[in-house]
Amino acid sequence: MIATALVAAGVTAPVAVALTTAPKWPDAQLIRHIESKIIMPGGAKPLGQYLRVYAPSIGPAGKLVEGRFETSKAPGVKVVSPGQLPLVMDGGCSFVDLTYDVARDRIVRIACHGYA
């Protein structure tokens, strides 16, 4: 299923949200909201240059959205099940991790990876 196009900070053209066999949440509206709040960490590229993969999560305080961003020649947005988030251990700012707290409506963590 392809959701409506997203226009996110730093993106000059619409980006389709591709849904795999993913949960119905987070939806395109919540992703647009999260991405409107993103300030990329120092050393990172503009948001629109990353493939952004999001998945629902539950933390001690409730619902979270986890994001994994990877620089890509085919940037865009995907929503996946929690177990399908990419796992990368290094790579500097070619990879960025995000955690968004739904109840507090804020990004509680956004950081580039380190180097091995």
Protein backbone atom coordinates (compact mmCIF):
# COMPACT_ATOMS: atom_id res chain seq x y z
CA MET A 1 0.00 0.00 0.00
CA ILE A 2 1.34 3.43 -0.87
CA ALA A 3 0.26 6.25 1.42
CA THR A 4 -0.09 9.85 0.37
CA ALA A 5 3.04 11.79 -0.51
CA LEU A 6 5.07 13.42 2.24
CA VAL A 7 6.84 16.69 1.93
CA ALA A 8 9.31 16.78 4.78
CA ALA A 9 11.85 19.30 5.93
CA GLY A 10 14.65 19.43 3.42
CA VAL A 11 12.72 17.53 0.77
CA THR A 12 11.93 19.50 -2.38
CA ALA A 13 9.74 16.87 -4.01
CA PRO A 14 6.98 14.65 -2.62
CA VAL A 15 8.17 11.38 -1.12
CA ALA A 16 5.90 8.34 -1.15
CA VAL A 17 5.48 6.42 2.06
CA ALA A 18 5.84 2.75 1.22
CA LEU A 19 4.23 0.38 3.67
CA THR A 20 5.37 -3.21 3.82
CA THR A 21 3.41 -5.72 5.87
CA ALA A 22 3.64 -3.11 8.57
CA PRO A 23 1.35 -2.06 11.34
CA LYS A 24 -1.19 0.67 10.60
CA TRP A 25 0.64 2.90 13.05
CA PRO A 26 2.63 5.15 12.79
CA ASP A 27 0.66 6.56 9.88
CA ALA A 28 1.69 9.17 7.31
CA GLN A 29 0.20 12.01 9.37
CA LEU A 30 2.24 11.11 12.47
CA ILE A 31 5.40 10.67 10.40
CA ARG A 32 4.90 14.14 8.83
CA HIS A 33 4.46 15.54 12.36
CA ILE A 34 7.62 13.82 13.65
CA GLU A 35 9.65 14.92 10.65
CA SER A 36 8.51 18.52 11.11
CA LYS A 37 10.21 18.44 14.54
CA ILE A 38 13.52 16.93 13.41
CA ILE A 39 16.73 18.89 13.75
CA MET A 40 19.43 16.69 12.27
CA PRO A 41 22.52 16.12 14.42
CA GLY A 42 25.78 17.88 13.58
CA GLY A 43 27.55 16.19 10.69
CA ALA A 44 24.36 14.66 9.28
CA LYS A 45 23.02 15.37 5.82
CA PRO A 46 19.61 16.99 5.25
CA LEU A 47 16.70 14.73 6.16
CA GLY A 48 15.60 14.34 2.54
CA GLN A 49 18.84 12.55 1.64
CA TYR A 50 18.05 9.58 3.90
CA LEU A 51 15.87 6.52 3.57
CA ARG A 52 13.85 6.83 6.79
CA VAL A 53 12.51 3.61 8.30
CA TYR A 54 10.03 3.89 11.18
CA ALA A 55 8.51 1.28 13.49
CA PRO A 56 6.18 1.36 16.50
CA SER A 57 7.63 0.59 19.91
CA ILE A 58 6.60 0.58 23.54
CA GLY A 59 8.74 2.09 26.28
CA PRO A 60 8.27 2.43 30.04
CA ALA A 61 6.16 5.57 29.53
CA GLY A 62 4.09 4.26 26.62
CA LYS A 63 4.08 4.47 22.82
CA LEU A 64 7.27 5.34 20.98
CA VAL A 65 8.23 5.57 17.33
CA GLU A 66 11.73 4.34 16.50
CA GLY A 67 13.42 5.62 13.37
CA ARG A 68 16.52 4.44 11.52
CA PHE A 69 17.83 6.72 8.76
CA GLU A 70 20.35 5.67 6.12
CA THR A 71 21.82 7.87 3.38
CA SER A 72 20.40 6.63 0.13
CA LYS A 73 20.25 7.28 -3.60
CA ALA A 74 16.54 6.43 -3.23
CA PRO A 75 15.45 8.42 -0.17
CA GLY A 76 11.94 8.10 1.17
CA VAL A 77 9.96 6.70 4.09
CA LYS A 78 9.03 3.15 5.05
CA VAL A 79 7.02 1.88 8.00
CA VAL A 80 7.91 -1.61 9.21
CA SER A 81 7.20 -3.92 12.10
CA PRO A 82 9.57 -3.48 15.08
CA GLY A 83 11.66 -6.53 14.25
CA GLN A 84 12.30 -5.23 10.73
CA LEU A 85 14.18 -2.05 11.69
CA PRO A 86 17.67 -1.98 10.17
CA LEU A 87 20.44 -2.85 12.62
CA VAL A 88 23.67 -0.95 11.99
CA MET A 89 26.49 -0.67 14.52
CA ASP A 90 28.68 2.07 13.00
CA GLY A 91 28.87 4.32 9.94
CA GLY A 92 28.94 7.78 11.48
CA CYS A 93 26.31 10.18 10.17
CA SER A 94 25.52 7.93 7.22
CA PHE A 95 23.16 6.36 9.77
CA VAL A 96 20.98 8.25 12.25
CA ASP A 97 18.75 6.81 15.01
CA LEU A 98 15.63 8.55 16.32
CA THR A 99 13.25 7.89 19.21
CA TYR A 100 9.99 9.85 19.40
CA ASP A 101 7.77 9.78 22.51
CA VAL A 102 4.13 9.96 21.40
CA ALA A 103 2.63 10.98 24.77
CA ARG A 104 5.16 13.78 25.31
CA ASP A 105 5.07 14.76 21.61
CA ARG A 106 8.80 15.10 21.40
CA ILE A 107 11.92 13.58 19.97
CA VAL A 108 13.77 12.14 22.96
CA ARG A 109 16.82 11.00 21.00
CA ILE A 110 18.37 11.66 17.62
CA ALA A 111 22.01 10.81 17.01
CA CYS A 112 24.50 9.72 14.39
CA HIS A 113 26.18 6.34 14.79
CA GLY A 114 29.79 6.09 15.87
CA TYR A 115 32.64 4.43 14.02
CA ALA A 116 33.90 0.90 14.66
